[in-house]
Amino acid sequence: MADTLDCWIYKSPRKDEMYLYVPAEDDFEAVPAALLERFGQPVFVMQLALSPERPLAREDVKQVMSNLREQGFHLQMPPKLEPYLYHGNED
């Protein structure tokens, strides 16, 4: 049987492309208060069944699952933008 873990994903209303993964709907108990304050009121995005066989677009699914099990949440930070990717090369 595959190793799966349900999670709920919320986006930050304050920081584009910042997401918070938690192991149960609206369960922010394990998230430090200071982090929630900076994150803002979480906005529900989706519920997902995580599995090592199903990769995530920008996160290591095994690390996300480990963080959910060990610390009760996973924070996905916004990607670091490279200006040349959006404005073309200078050559």
N, C-alpha and C. Protein backbone atom coordinates (compact mmCIF):
# COMPACT_ATOMS: atom_id res chain seq x y z
N MET A 1 0.84 -1.19 0.00
CA MET A 1 0.00 0.00 0.00
C MET A 1 0.89 1.25 0.00
N ALA A 2 0.50 2.23 -0.80
CA ALA A 2 1.29 3.44 -0.93
C ALA A 2 1.21 4.29 0.34
N ASP A 3 2.28 4.98 0.62
CA ASP A 3 2.35 5.89 1.76
C ASP A 3 1.70 7.20 1.33
N THR A 4 0.54 7.53 1.88
CA THR A 4 -0.15 8.78 1.53
C THR A 4 -0.44 9.59 2.79
N LEU A 5 -0.61 10.87 2.59
CA LEU A 5 -0.88 11.79 3.69
C LEU A 5 -1.76 12.91 3.16
N ASP A 6 -2.93 13.09 3.75
CA ASP A 6 -3.80 14.20 3.35
C ASP A 6 -3.26 15.49 3.91
N CYS A 7 -3.42 16.56 3.14
CA CYS A 7 -3.05 17.88 3.64
C CYS A 7 -3.97 18.93 3.05
N TRP A 8 -4.02 20.06 3.73
CA TRP A 8 -4.81 21.20 3.29
C TRP A 8 -3.83 22.33 3.04
N ILE A 9 -4.01 23.02 1.92
CA ILE A 9 -3.06 24.05 1.49
C ILE A 9 -3.77 25.41 1.51
N TYR A 10 -3.08 26.38 2.10
CA TYR A 10 -3.60 27.74 2.23
C TYR A 10 -2.58 28.72 1.68
N LYS A 11 -3.07 29.79 1.05
CA LYS A 11 -2.16 30.82 0.54
C LYS A 11 -2.18 32.01 1.48
N SER A 12 -1.10 32.77 1.43
CA SER A 12 -0.99 33.97 2.23
C SER A 12 -1.64 35.14 1.49
N PRO A 13 -2.45 35.93 2.18
CA PRO A 13 -3.00 37.12 1.54
C PRO A 13 -1.99 38.28 1.50
N ARG A 14 -0.88 38.10 2.20
CA ARG A 14 0.13 39.16 2.29
C ARG A 14 1.33 38.97 1.39
N LYS A 15 1.62 37.72 1.02
CA LYS A 15 2.83 37.44 0.24
C LYS A 15 2.47 36.50 -0.91
N ASP A 16 2.61 36.99 -2.13
CA ASP A 16 2.32 36.17 -3.30
C ASP A 16 3.15 34.90 -3.31
N GLU A 17 2.52 33.82 -3.66
CA GLU A 17 3.15 32.51 -3.83
C GLU A 17 3.75 31.92 -2.55
N MET A 18 3.24 32.34 -1.40
CA MET A 18 3.62 31.73 -0.13
C MET A 18 2.44 30.86 0.31
N TYR A 19 2.73 29.59 0.63
CA TYR A 19 1.68 28.64 0.97
C TYR A 19 2.00 27.92 2.27
N LEU A 20 0.95 27.57 2.99
CA LEU A 20 1.06 26.85 4.24
C LEU A 20 0.31 25.53 4.10
N TYR A 21 0.99 24.43 4.35
CA TYR A 21 0.41 23.09 4.29
C TYR A 21 0.16 22.63 5.73
N VAL A 22 -1.03 22.14 6.01
CA VAL A 22 -1.35 21.62 7.34
C VAL A 22 -2.02 20.25 7.20
N PRO A 23 -1.93 19.40 8.24
CA PRO A 23 -2.42 18.02 8.14
C PRO A 23 -3.93 17.85 8.31
N ALA A 24 -4.64 18.91 8.66
CA ALA A 24 -6.10 18.83 8.82
C ALA A 24 -6.69 20.20 8.47
N GLU A 25 -7.92 20.19 8.03
CA GLU A 25 -8.57 21.43 7.63
C GLU A 25 -8.59 22.45 8.78
N ASP A 26 -8.11 23.65 8.48
CA ASP A 26 -8.08 24.77 9.43
C ASP A 26 -7.32 24.46 10.72
N ASP A 27 -6.36 23.55 10.65
CA ASP A 27 -5.58 23.15 11.84
C ASP A 27 -4.25 23.90 11.85
N PHE A 28 -4.24 25.06 12.49
CA PHE A 28 -3.05 25.89 12.56
C PHE A 28 -2.40 25.87 13.94
N GLU A 29 -2.81 24.92 14.77
CA GLU A 29 -2.33 24.84 16.15
C GLU A 29 -0.81 24.70 16.24
N ALA A 30 -0.20 23.94 15.33
CA ALA A 30 1.25 23.71 15.37
C ALA A 30 2.05 24.86 14.74
N VAL A 31 1.38 25.76 14.04
CA VAL A 31 2.06 26.86 13.37
C VAL A 31 2.38 27.94 14.39
N PRO A 32 3.65 28.35 14.49
CA PRO A 32 4.01 29.40 15.46
C PRO A 32 3.20 30.68 15.24
N ALA A 33 2.79 31.30 16.32
CA ALA A 33 1.98 32.51 16.26
C ALA A 33 2.65 33.61 15.44
N ALA A 34 3.97 33.76 15.59
CA ALA A 34 4.68 34.80 14.85
C ALA A 34 4.61 34.54 13.34
N LEU A 35 4.68 33.28 12.94
CA LEU A 35 4.57 32.94 11.52
C LEU A 35 3.17 33.25 11.01
N LEU A 36 2.15 32.87 11.76
CA LEU A 36 0.77 33.16 11.34
C LEU A 36 0.51 34.67 11.24
N GLU A 37 1.11 35.43 12.14
CA GLU A 37 0.94 36.88 12.11
C GLU A 37 1.52 37.46 10.82
N ARG A 38 2.70 37.00 10.44
CA ARG A 38 3.33 37.48 9.20
C ARG A 38 2.63 36.93 7.96
N PHE A 39 2.13 35.69 8.04
CA PHE A 39 1.47 35.03 6.92
C PHE A 39 0.15 35.71 6.59
N GLY A 40 -0.57 36.16 7.63
CA GLY A 40 -1.90 36.73 7.45
C GLY A 40 -2.96 35.66 7.60
N GLN A 41 -4.22 36.03 7.46
CA GLN A 41 -5.33 35.09 7.58
C GLN A 41 -5.25 34.09 6.41
N PRO A 42 -4.98 32.81 6.70
CA PRO A 42 -4.84 31.83 5.62
C PRO A 42 -6.10 31.72 4.76
N VAL A 43 -5.87 31.64 3.44
CA VAL A 43 -6.95 31.52 2.47
C VAL A 43 -6.88 30.12 1.86
N PHE A 44 -7.94 29.32 2.05
CA PHE A 44 -7.94 27.95 1.57
C PHE A 44 -7.77 27.90 0.05
N VAL A 45 -6.88 26.96 -0.39
CA VAL A 45 -6.64 26.76 -1.82
C VAL A 45 -7.15 25.39 -2.25
N MET A 46 -6.69 24.33 -1.57
CA MET A 46 -7.10 22.98 -1.95
C MET A 46 -6.72 21.96 -0.89
N GLN A 47 -7.37 20.81 -0.99
CA GLN A 47 -7.01 19.64 -0.18
C GLN A 47 -6.35 18.67 -1.14
N LEU A 48 -5.30 17.98 -0.65
CA LEU A 48 -4.50 17.13 -1.52
C LEU A 48 -4.03 15.90 -0.75
N ALA A 49 -4.00 14.76 -1.42
CA ALA A 49 -3.42 13.54 -0.84
C ALA A 49 -1.98 13.46 -1.34
N LEU A 50 -1.05 13.65 -0.43
CA LEU A 50 0.37 13.59 -0.80
C LEU A 50 0.84 12.15 -0.85
N SER A 51 1.76 11.88 -1.77
CA SER A 51 2.35 10.55 -1.92
C SER A 51 3.75 10.72 -2.50
N PRO A 52 4.72 9.93 -2.03
CA PRO A 52 6.08 10.03 -2.59
C PRO A 52 6.11 9.78 -4.10
N GLU A 53 5.13 9.05 -4.61
CA GLU A 53 5.08 8.75 -6.03
C GLU A 53 4.46 9.87 -6.86
N ARG A 54 3.90 10.88 -6.19
CA ARG A 54 3.26 11.99 -6.89
C ARG A 54 3.99 13.29 -6.56
N PRO A 55 4.88 13.72 -7.45
CA PRO A 55 5.68 14.92 -7.15
C PRO A 55 4.83 16.20 -7.12
N LEU A 56 5.32 17.16 -6.40
CA LEU A 56 4.71 18.49 -6.36
C LEU A 56 5.48 19.39 -7.33
N ALA A 57 4.85 20.45 -7.78
CA ALA A 57 5.47 21.33 -8.78
C ALA A 57 6.73 22.03 -8.26
N ARG A 58 6.69 22.55 -7.03
CA ARG A 58 7.83 23.34 -6.56
C ARG A 58 8.41 22.88 -5.24
N GLU A 59 7.89 21.84 -4.66
CA GLU A 59 8.37 21.36 -3.37
C GLU A 59 8.72 19.88 -3.46
N ASP A 60 9.63 19.46 -2.61
CA ASP A 60 9.96 18.04 -2.49
C ASP A 60 8.87 17.39 -1.65
N VAL A 61 8.09 16.53 -2.28
CA VAL A 61 6.93 15.94 -1.60
C VAL A 61 7.33 15.17 -0.35
N LYS A 62 8.49 14.52 -0.37
CA LYS A 62 8.93 13.77 0.82
C LYS A 62 9.25 14.72 1.97
N GLN A 63 9.83 15.87 1.67
CA GLN A 63 10.13 16.87 2.70
C GLN A 63 8.84 17.45 3.27
N VAL A 64 7.87 17.73 2.40
CA VAL A 64 6.58 18.26 2.85
C VAL A 64 5.91 17.25 3.79
N MET A 65 5.89 15.98 3.40
CA MET A 65 5.28 14.95 4.24
C MET A 65 6.00 14.83 5.57
N SER A 66 7.32 14.88 5.54
CA SER A 66 8.11 14.80 6.77
C SER A 66 7.79 15.98 7.69
N ASN A 67 7.74 17.19 7.13
CA ASN A 67 7.45 18.37 7.94
C ASN A 67 6.04 18.30 8.54
N LEU A 68 5.08 17.81 7.77
CA LEU A 68 3.72 17.69 8.30
C LEU A 68 3.68 16.72 9.47
N ARG A 69 4.39 15.62 9.34
CA ARG A 69 4.38 14.60 10.41
C ARG A 69 5.18 15.04 11.63
N GLU A 70 6.31 15.70 11.41
CA GLU A 70 7.21 16.03 12.52
C GLU A 70 6.89 17.36 13.20
N GLN A 71 6.52 18.37 12.42
CA GLN A 71 6.29 19.68 13.05
C GLN A 71 4.85 20.16 12.92
N GLY A 72 4.02 19.45 12.14
CA GLY A 72 2.61 19.79 12.05
C GLY A 72 2.25 20.81 10.99
N PHE A 73 3.24 21.24 10.18
CA PHE A 73 2.97 22.17 9.09
C PHE A 73 4.17 22.20 8.15
N HIS A 74 3.96 22.76 6.97
CA HIS A 74 5.06 23.01 6.02
C HIS A 74 4.81 24.37 5.40
N LEU A 75 5.83 25.20 5.35
CA LEU A 75 5.73 26.53 4.74
C LEU A 75 6.45 26.51 3.40
N GLN A 76 5.73 26.87 2.34
CA GLN A 76 6.33 26.98 1.01
C GLN A 76 6.58 28.45 0.74
N MET A 77 7.84 28.80 0.59
CA MET A 77 8.23 30.18 0.35
C MET A 77 8.08 30.51 -1.14
N PRO A 78 7.91 31.81 -1.46
CA PRO A 78 7.82 32.21 -2.87
C PRO A 78 9.15 31.88 -3.58
N PRO A 79 9.08 31.63 -4.87
CA PRO A 79 10.32 31.34 -5.60
C PRO A 79 11.18 32.60 -5.68
N LYS A 80 12.47 32.39 -5.79
CA LYS A 80 13.37 33.53 -6.01
C LYS A 80 13.32 33.85 -7.50
N LEU A 81 12.93 35.05 -7.81
CA LEU A 81 12.78 35.45 -9.20
C LEU A 81 14.11 35.90 -9.78
N GLU A 82 14.36 35.48 -10.97
CA GLU A 82 15.56 35.90 -11.71
C GLU A 82 15.10 36.90 -12.77
N PRO A 83 15.50 38.17 -12.65
CA PRO A 83 14.99 39.20 -13.56
C PRO A 83 15.16 38.85 -15.04
N TYR A 84 16.27 38.23 -15.41
CA TYR A 84 16.49 37.93 -16.83
C TYR A 84 15.46 36.95 -17.38
N LEU A 85 14.83 36.18 -16.51
CA LEU A 85 13.80 35.26 -16.97
C LEU A 85 12.54 36.00 -17.41
N TYR A 86 12.34 37.19 -16.89
CA TYR A 86 11.13 37.93 -17.16
C TYR A 86 11.34 39.12 -18.10
N HIS A 87 12.59 39.52 -18.28
CA HIS A 87 12.86 40.70 -19.12
C HIS A 87 13.76 40.35 -20.30
N GLY A 88 14.07 39.10 -20.50
CA GLY A 88 14.93 38.71 -21.62
C GLY A 88 16.39 38.86 -21.28
N ASN A 89 17.20 38.20 -22.02
CA ASN A 89 18.66 38.29 -21.83
C ASN A 89 19.17 39.62 -22.39
N GLU A 90 20.26 40.09 -21.83
CA GLU A 90 20.81 41.37 -22.27
C GLU A 90 21.73 41.25 -23.46
N ASP A 91 21.98 40.04 -23.95
CA ASP A 91 22.88 39.91 -25.11
C ASP A 91 22.14 39.91 -26.41
